[in-house]
PDB file of all heavy atoms in Angstrom:
ATOM      1  N   SER A   1      43.033 -84.485 100.450  1.00  0.00           N
ATOM      2  CA  SER A   1      43.889 -84.831 101.578  1.00  0.00           C
ATOM      3  C   SER A   1      43.506 -84.043 102.834  1.00  0.00           C
ATOM      4  O   SER A   1      43.306 -82.854 102.681  1.00  0.00           O
ATOM      5  CB  SER A   1      45.381 -84.511 101.265  1.00  0.00           C
ATOM      6  OG  SER A   1      45.843 -85.259 100.186  1.00  0.00           O
ATOM      7  N   VAL A   2      43.291 -84.748 103.883  1.00  0.00           N
ATOM      8  CA  VAL A   2      42.896 -84.150 105.137  1.00  0.00           C
ATOM      9  C   VAL A   2      43.730 -84.693 106.268  1.00  0.00           C
ATOM     10  O   VAL A   2      44.274 -85.827 106.110  1.00  0.00           O
ATOM     11  CB  VAL A   2      41.377 -84.304 105.471  1.00  0.00           C
ATOM     12  CG1 VAL A   2      40.530 -83.635 104.394  1.00  0.00           C
ATOM     13  CG2 VAL A   2      41.022 -85.754 105.514  1.00  0.00           C
ATOM     14  N   GLN A   3      43.673 -84.103 107.416  1.00  0.00           N
ATOM     15  CA  GLN A   3      44.281 -84.660 108.608  1.00  0.00           C
ATOM     16  C   GLN A   3      43.313 -85.490 109.439  1.00  0.00           C
ATOM     17  O   GLN A   3      42.059 -85.403 109.196  1.00  0.00           O
ATOM     18  CB  GLN A   3      44.767 -83.512 109.520  1.00  0.00           C
ATOM     19  CG  GLN A   3      45.958 -82.717 108.969  1.00  0.00           C
ATOM     20  CD  GLN A   3      46.466 -81.666 109.890  1.00  0.00           C
ATOM     21  OE1 GLN A   3      45.745 -80.801 110.292  1.00  0.00           O
ATOM     22  NE2 GLN A   3      47.739 -81.763 110.214  1.00  0.00           N
ATOM     23  N   THR A   4      43.820 -86.306 110.226  1.00  0.00           N
ATOM     24  CA  THR A   4      42.998 -87.152 111.144  1.00  0.00           C
ATOM     25  C   THR A   4      41.928 -86.272 111.791  1.00  0.00           C
ATOM     26  O   THR A   4      42.254 -85.247 112.305  1.00  0.00           O
ATOM     27  CB  THR A   4      43.849 -87.878 112.147  1.00  0.00           C
ATOM     28  OG1 THR A   4      44.743 -88.758 111.525  1.00  0.00           O
ATOM     29  CG2 THR A   4      42.937 -88.688 113.087  1.00  0.00           C
ATOM     30  N   GLY A   5      40.681 -86.747 111.756  1.00  0.00           N
ATOM     31  CA  GLY A   5      39.567 -86.007 112.311  1.00  0.00           C
ATOM     32  C   GLY A   5      38.835 -85.016 111.405  1.00  0.00           C
ATOM     33  O   GLY A   5      37.854 -84.500 111.741  1.00  0.00           O
ATOM     34  N   GLY A   6      39.403 -84.863 110.204  1.00  0.00           N
ATOM     35  CA  GLY A   6      38.805 -84.048 109.191  1.00  0.00           C
ATOM     36  C   GLY A   6      37.628 -84.678 108.521  1.00  0.00           C
ATOM     37  O   GLY A   6      37.186 -85.789 108.797  1.00  0.00           O
ATOM     38  N   SER A   7      37.066 -83.946 107.566  1.00  0.00           N
ATOM     39  CA  SER A   7      35.844 -84.358 106.897  1.00  0.00           C
ATOM     40  C   SER A   7      35.985 -84.131 105.374  1.00  0.00           C
ATOM     41  O   SER A   7      36.694 -83.285 104.936  1.00  0.00           O
ATOM     42  CB  SER A   7      34.642 -83.537 107.370  1.00  0.00           C
ATOM     43  OG  SER A   7      34.385 -83.806 108.752  1.00  0.00           O
ATOM     44  N   LEU A   8      35.317 -84.982 104.610  1.00  0.00           N
ATOM     45  CA  LEU A   8      35.208 -84.813 103.218  1.00  0.00           C
ATOM     46  C   LEU A   8      33.817 -85.257 102.746  1.00  0.00           C
ATOM     47  O   LEU A   8      33.203 -86.092 103.391  1.00  0.00           O
ATOM     48  CB  LEU A   8      36.321 -85.644 102.412  1.00  0.00           C
ATOM     49  CG  LEU A   8      37.715 -85.190 102.426  1.00  0.00           C
ATOM     50  CD1 LEU A   8      38.547 -86.327 101.872  1.00  0.00           C
ATOM     51  CD2 LEU A   8      37.839 -83.945 101.651  1.00  0.00           C
ATOM     52  N   ARG A   9      33.408 -84.731 101.647  1.00  0.00           N
ATOM     53  CA  ARG A   9      32.082 -85.083 101.072  1.00  0.00           C
ATOM     54  C   ARG A   9      32.289 -85.577  99.593  1.00  0.00           C
ATOM     55  O   ARG A   9      32.712 -84.760  98.765  1.00  0.00           O
ATOM     56  CB  ARG A   9      31.065 -83.957 101.075  1.00  0.00           C
ATOM     57  CG  ARG A   9      29.709 -84.274 100.568  1.00  0.00           C
ATOM     58  CD  ARG A   9      28.764 -83.157 100.659  1.00  0.00           C
ATOM     59  NE  ARG A   9      27.443 -83.336 100.117  1.00  0.00           N
ATOM     60  CZ  ARG A   9      26.429 -84.017 100.636  1.00  0.00           C
ATOM     61  NH1 ARG A   9      26.574 -84.464 101.830  1.00  0.00           N
ATOM     62  NH2 ARG A   9      25.235 -84.065 100.012  1.00  0.00           N
ATOM     63  N   LEU A  10      32.149 -86.813  99.369  1.00  0.00           N
ATOM     64  CA  LEU A  10      32.290 -87.414  98.024  1.00  0.00           C
ATOM     65  C   LEU A  10      30.992 -87.356  97.212  1.00  0.00           C
ATOM     66  O   LEU A  10      29.888 -87.488  97.851  1.00  0.00           O
ATOM     67  CB  LEU A  10      32.802 -88.795  98.061  1.00  0.00           C
ATOM     68  CG  LEU A  10      34.002 -89.079  98.970  1.00  0.00           C
ATOM     69  CD1 LEU A  10      34.405 -90.527  98.834  1.00  0.00           C
ATOM     70  CD2 LEU A  10      35.136 -88.167  98.608  1.00  0.00           C
ATOM     71  N   THR A  11      31.081 -87.134  95.897  1.00  0.00           N
ATOM     72  CA  THR A  11      29.999 -87.094  95.068  1.00  0.00           C
ATOM     73  C   THR A  11      30.107 -88.132  93.947  1.00  0.00           C
ATOM     74  O   THR A  11      31.165 -88.217  93.407  1.00  0.00           O
ATOM     75  CB  THR A  11      29.803 -85.689  94.435  1.00  0.00           C
ATOM     76  OG1 THR A  11      29.509 -84.750  95.467  1.00  0.00           O
ATOM     77  CG2 THR A  11      28.618 -85.735  93.444  1.00  0.00           C
ATOM     78  N   CYS A  12      29.021 -88.739  93.670  1.00  0.00           N
ATOM     79  CA  CYS A  12      29.010 -89.749  92.561  1.00  0.00           C
ATOM     80  C   CYS A  12      27.928 -89.362  91.557  1.00  0.00           C
ATOM     81  O   CYS A  12      26.736 -89.184  91.938  1.00  0.00           O
ATOM     82  CB  CYS A  12      28.674 -91.182  93.082  1.00  0.00           C
ATOM     83  SG  CYS A  12      28.350 -92.383  91.757  1.00  0.00           S
ATOM     84  N   SER A  13      28.321 -89.039  90.355  1.00  0.00           N
ATOM     85  CA  SER A  13      27.391 -88.627  89.250  1.00  0.00           C
ATOM     86  C   SER A  13      27.048 -89.887  88.415  1.00  0.00           C
ATOM     87  O   SER A  13      27.999 -90.566  87.884  1.00  0.00           O
ATOM     88  CB  SER A  13      27.980 -87.537  88.390  1.00  0.00           C
ATOM     89  OG  SER A  13      28.217 -86.362  89.167  1.00  0.00           O
ATOM     90  N   VAL A  14      25.805 -90.191  88.300  1.00  0.00           N
ATOM     91  CA  VAL A  14      25.355 -91.384  87.603  1.00  0.00           C
ATOM     92  C   VAL A  14      24.728 -90.964  86.319  1.00  0.00           C
ATOM     93  O   VAL A  14      23.755 -90.172  86.289  1.00  0.00           O
ATOM     94  CB  VAL A  14      24.418 -92.187  88.495  1.00  0.00           C
ATOM     95  CG1 VAL A  14      23.935 -93.475  87.737  1.00  0.00           C
ATOM     96  CG2 VAL A  14      24.969 -92.492  89.769  1.00  0.00           C
ATOM     97  N   SER A  15      25.140 -91.554  85.136  1.00  0.00           N
ATOM     98  CA  SER A  15      24.689 -91.213  83.857  1.00  0.00           C
ATOM     99  C   SER A  15      23.440 -91.939  83.429  1.00  0.00           C
ATOM    100  O   SER A  15      22.711 -91.517  82.532  1.00  0.00           O
ATOM    101  CB  SER A  15      25.751 -91.379  82.798  1.00  0.00           C
ATOM    102  OG  SER A  15      26.121 -92.705  82.609  1.00  0.00           O
ATOM    103  N   GLY A  16      23.205 -93.080  83.965  1.00  0.00           N
ATOM    104  CA  GLY A  16      22.007 -93.903  83.613  1.00  0.00           C
ATOM    105  C   GLY A  16      21.063 -94.026  84.772  1.00  0.00           C
ATOM    106  O   GLY A  16      21.019 -93.152  85.617  1.00  0.00           O
ATOM    107  N   MET A  17      20.251 -95.106  84.696  1.00  0.00           N
ATOM    108  CA  MET A  17      19.256 -95.355  85.740  1.00  0.00           C
ATOM    109  C   MET A  17      20.006 -95.605  87.053  1.00  0.00           C
ATOM    110  O   MET A  17      20.969 -96.357  87.124  1.00  0.00           O
ATOM    111  CB  MET A  17      18.382 -96.472  85.419  1.00  0.00           C
ATOM    112  CG  MET A  17      17.453 -96.333  84.182  1.00  0.00           C
ATOM    113  SD  MET A  17      16.373 -97.764  83.890  1.00  0.00           S
ATOM    114  CE  MET A  17      15.411 -97.746  85.443  1.00  0.00           C
ATOM    115  N   MET A  18      19.519 -95.028  88.095  1.00  0.00           N
ATOM    116  CA  MET A  18      20.139 -95.053  89.399  1.00  0.00           C
ATOM    117  C   MET A  18      19.266 -95.781  90.337  1.00  0.00           C
ATOM    118  O   MET A  18      18.329 -95.291  90.961  1.00  0.00           O
ATOM    119  CB  MET A  18      20.472 -93.666  89.921  1.00  0.00           C
ATOM    120  CG  MET A  18      21.423 -93.719  91.163  1.00  0.00           C
ATOM    121  SD  MET A  18      21.882 -92.086  91.697  1.00  0.00           S
ATOM    122  CE  MET A  18      20.393 -91.481  92.476  1.00  0.00           C
ATOM    123  N   GLY A  19      19.563 -97.082  90.547  1.00  0.00           N
ATOM    124  CA  GLY A  19      18.808 -97.859  91.497  1.00  0.00           C
ATOM    125  C   GLY A  19      19.570 -97.859  92.827  1.00  0.00           C
ATOM    126  O   GLY A  19      20.184 -96.824  93.182  1.00  0.00           O
ATOM    127  N   PRO A  20      19.528 -98.972  93.589  1.00  0.00           N
ATOM    128  CA  PRO A  20      20.330 -99.011  94.798  1.00  0.00           C
ATOM    129  C   PRO A  20      21.774 -98.784  94.530  1.00  0.00           C
ATOM    130  O   PRO A  20      22.313 -99.303  93.529  1.00  0.00           O
ATOM    131  CB  PRO A  20      20.051-100.443  95.327  1.00  0.00           C
ATOM    132  CG  PRO A  20      18.672-100.801  94.727  1.00  0.00           C
ATOM    133  CD  PRO A  20      18.727-100.214  93.388  1.00  0.00           C
ATOM    134  N   MET A  21      22.421 -97.955  95.302  1.00  0.00           N
ATOM    135  CA  MET A  21      23.827 -97.592  95.026  1.00  0.00           C
ATOM    136  C   MET A  21      24.655 -97.808  96.307  1.00  0.00           C
ATOM    137  O   MET A  21      24.159 -97.872  97.429  1.00  0.00           O
ATOM    138  CB  MET A  21      23.897 -96.162  94.657  1.00  0.00           C
ATOM    139  CG  MET A  21      23.190 -95.721  93.355  1.00  0.00           C
ATOM    140  SD  MET A  21      23.939 -96.520  91.894  1.00  0.00           S
ATOM    141  CE  MET A  21      25.499 -95.675  91.919  1.00  0.00           C
ATOM    142  N   GLY A  22      25.956 -97.901  96.079  1.00  0.00           N
ATOM    143  CA  GLY A  22      26.870 -98.153  97.139  1.00  0.00           C
ATOM    144  C   GLY A  22      28.222 -97.464  96.926  1.00  0.00           C
ATOM    145  O   GLY A  22      28.513 -97.022  95.809  1.00  0.00           O
ATOM    146  N   TRP A  23      29.018 -97.400  97.953  1.00  0.00           N
ATOM    147  CA  TRP A  23      30.374 -96.843  97.932  1.00  0.00           C
ATOM    148  C   TRP A  23      31.333 -98.030  98.278  1.00  0.00           C
ATOM    149  O   TRP A  23      31.012 -98.814  99.308  1.00  0.00           O
ATOM    150  CB  TRP A  23      30.599 -95.749  98.848  1.00  0.00           C
ATOM    151  CG  TRP A  23      29.999 -94.441  98.324  1.00  0.00           C
ATOM    152  CD1 TRP A  23      28.744 -93.928  98.661  1.00  0.00           C
ATOM    153  CD2 TRP A  23      30.672 -93.484  97.457  1.00  0.00           C
ATOM    154  NE1 TRP A  23      28.616 -92.722  98.003  1.00  0.00           N
ATOM    155  CE2 TRP A  23      29.744 -92.371  97.235  1.00  0.00           C
ATOM    156  CE3 TRP A  23      31.867 -93.480  96.867  1.00  0.00           C
ATOM    157  CZ2 TRP A  23      30.002 -91.295  96.495  1.00  0.00           C
ATOM    158  CZ3 TRP A  23      32.176 -92.313  96.036  1.00  0.00           C
ATOM    159  CH2 TRP A  23      31.271 -91.309  95.870  1.00  0.00           C
ATOM    160  N   TRP A  24      32.379 -98.115  97.578  1.00  0.00           N
ATOM    161  CA  TRP A  24      33.456 -99.062  97.855  1.00  0.00           C
ATOM    162  C   TRP A  24      34.811 -98.268  98.008  1.00  0.00           C
ATOM    163  O   TRP A  24      34.939 -97.149  97.547  1.00  0.00           O
ATOM    164  CB  TRP A  24      33.595-100.110  96.716  1.00  0.00           C
ATOM    165  CG  TRP A  24      32.581-101.170  96.630  1.00  0.00           C
ATOM    166  CD1 TRP A  24      32.804-102.521  96.987  1.00  0.00           C
ATOM    167  CD2 TRP A  24      31.210-101.096  96.257  1.00  0.00           C
ATOM    168  NE1 TRP A  24      31.676-103.245  96.742  1.00  0.00           N
ATOM    169  CE2 TRP A  24      30.691-102.450  96.281  1.00  0.00           C
ATOM    170  CE3 TRP A  24      30.443-100.053  95.761  1.00  0.00           C
ATOM    171  CZ2 TRP A  24      29.340-102.671  95.914  1.00  0.00           C
ATOM    172  CZ3 TRP A  24      29.128-100.302  95.400  1.00  0.00           C
ATOM    173  CH2 TRP A  24      28.639-101.609  95.505  1.00  0.00           C
ATOM    174  N   ARG A  25      35.781 -98.949  98.621  1.00  0.00           N
ATOM    175  CA  ARG A  25      37.088 -98.291  98.692  1.00  0.00           C
ATOM    176  C   ARG A  25      38.142 -99.336  98.532  1.00  0.00           C
ATOM    177  O   ARG A  25      37.963-100.534  98.857  1.00  0.00           O
ATOM    178  CB  ARG A  25      37.226 -97.506  99.956  1.00  0.00           C
ATOM    179  CG  ARG A  25      37.299 -98.345 101.215  1.00  0.00           C
ATOM    180  CD  ARG A  25      37.376 -97.392 102.452  1.00  0.00           C
ATOM    181  NE  ARG A  25      37.387 -98.145 103.683  1.00  0.00           N
ATOM    182  CZ  ARG A  25      37.257 -97.543 104.873  1.00  0.00           C
ATOM    183  NH1 ARG A  25      37.204 -96.244 104.956  1.00  0.00           N
ATOM    184  NH2 ARG A  25      37.359 -98.262 106.003  1.00  0.00           N
ATOM    185  N   GLN A  26      39.305 -98.913  98.032  1.00  0.00           N
ATOM    186  CA  GLN A  26      40.415 -99.838  97.667  1.00  0.00           C
ATOM    187  C   GLN A  26      41.765 -99.106  97.730  1.00  0.00           C
ATOM    188  O   GLN A  26      41.950 -97.995  97.302  1.00  0.00           O
ATOM    189  CB  GLN A  26      40.199-100.413  96.276  1.00  0.00           C
ATOM    190  CG  GLN A  26      41.270-101.432  95.876  1.00  0.00           C
ATOM    191  CD  GLN A  26      40.987-101.984  94.547  1.00  0.00           C
ATOM    192  OE1 GLN A  26      40.428-101.302  93.647  1.00  0.00           O
ATOM    193  NE2 GLN A  26      41.299-103.236  94.290  1.00  0.00           N
ATOM    194  N   ASP A  27      42.727 -99.764  98.429  1.00  0.00           N
ATOM    195  CA  ASP A  27      44.070 -99.311  98.397  1.00  0.00           C
ATOM    196  C   ASP A  27      44.879-100.237  97.485  1.00  0.00           C
ATOM    197  O   ASP A  27      44.500-101.412  97.278  1.00  0.00           O
ATOM    198  CB  ASP A  27      44.724 -99.392  99.850  1.00  0.00           C
ATOM    199  CG  ASP A  27      44.637 -98.060 100.546  1.00  0.00           C
ATOM    200  OD1 ASP A  27      44.559 -96.995  99.896  1.00  0.00           O
ATOM    201  OD2 ASP A  27      44.721 -98.133 101.753  1.00  0.00           O
ATOM    202  N   PRO A  28      46.022 -99.776  96.952  1.00  0.00           N
ATOM    203  CA  PRO A  28      46.863-100.666  96.060  1.00  0.00           C
ATOM    204  C   PRO A  28      47.182-101.962  96.712  1.00  0.00           C
ATOM    205  O   PRO A  28      47.577-101.949  97.909  1.00  0.00           O
ATOM    206  CB  PRO A  28      48.060 -99.811  95.808  1.00  0.00           C
ATOM    207  CG  PRO A  28      47.646 -98.389  95.927  1.00  0.00           C
ATOM    208  CD  PRO A  28      46.610 -98.433  97.007  1.00  0.00           C
TER     209      PRO A  28
END
């Protein structure tokens, strides 16, 4: 949780072969 203007760094750990990758997002 951050305030407007803040920053976060997300990490994705991949267990298998890592080819082209992307990020998606979703709200309920």
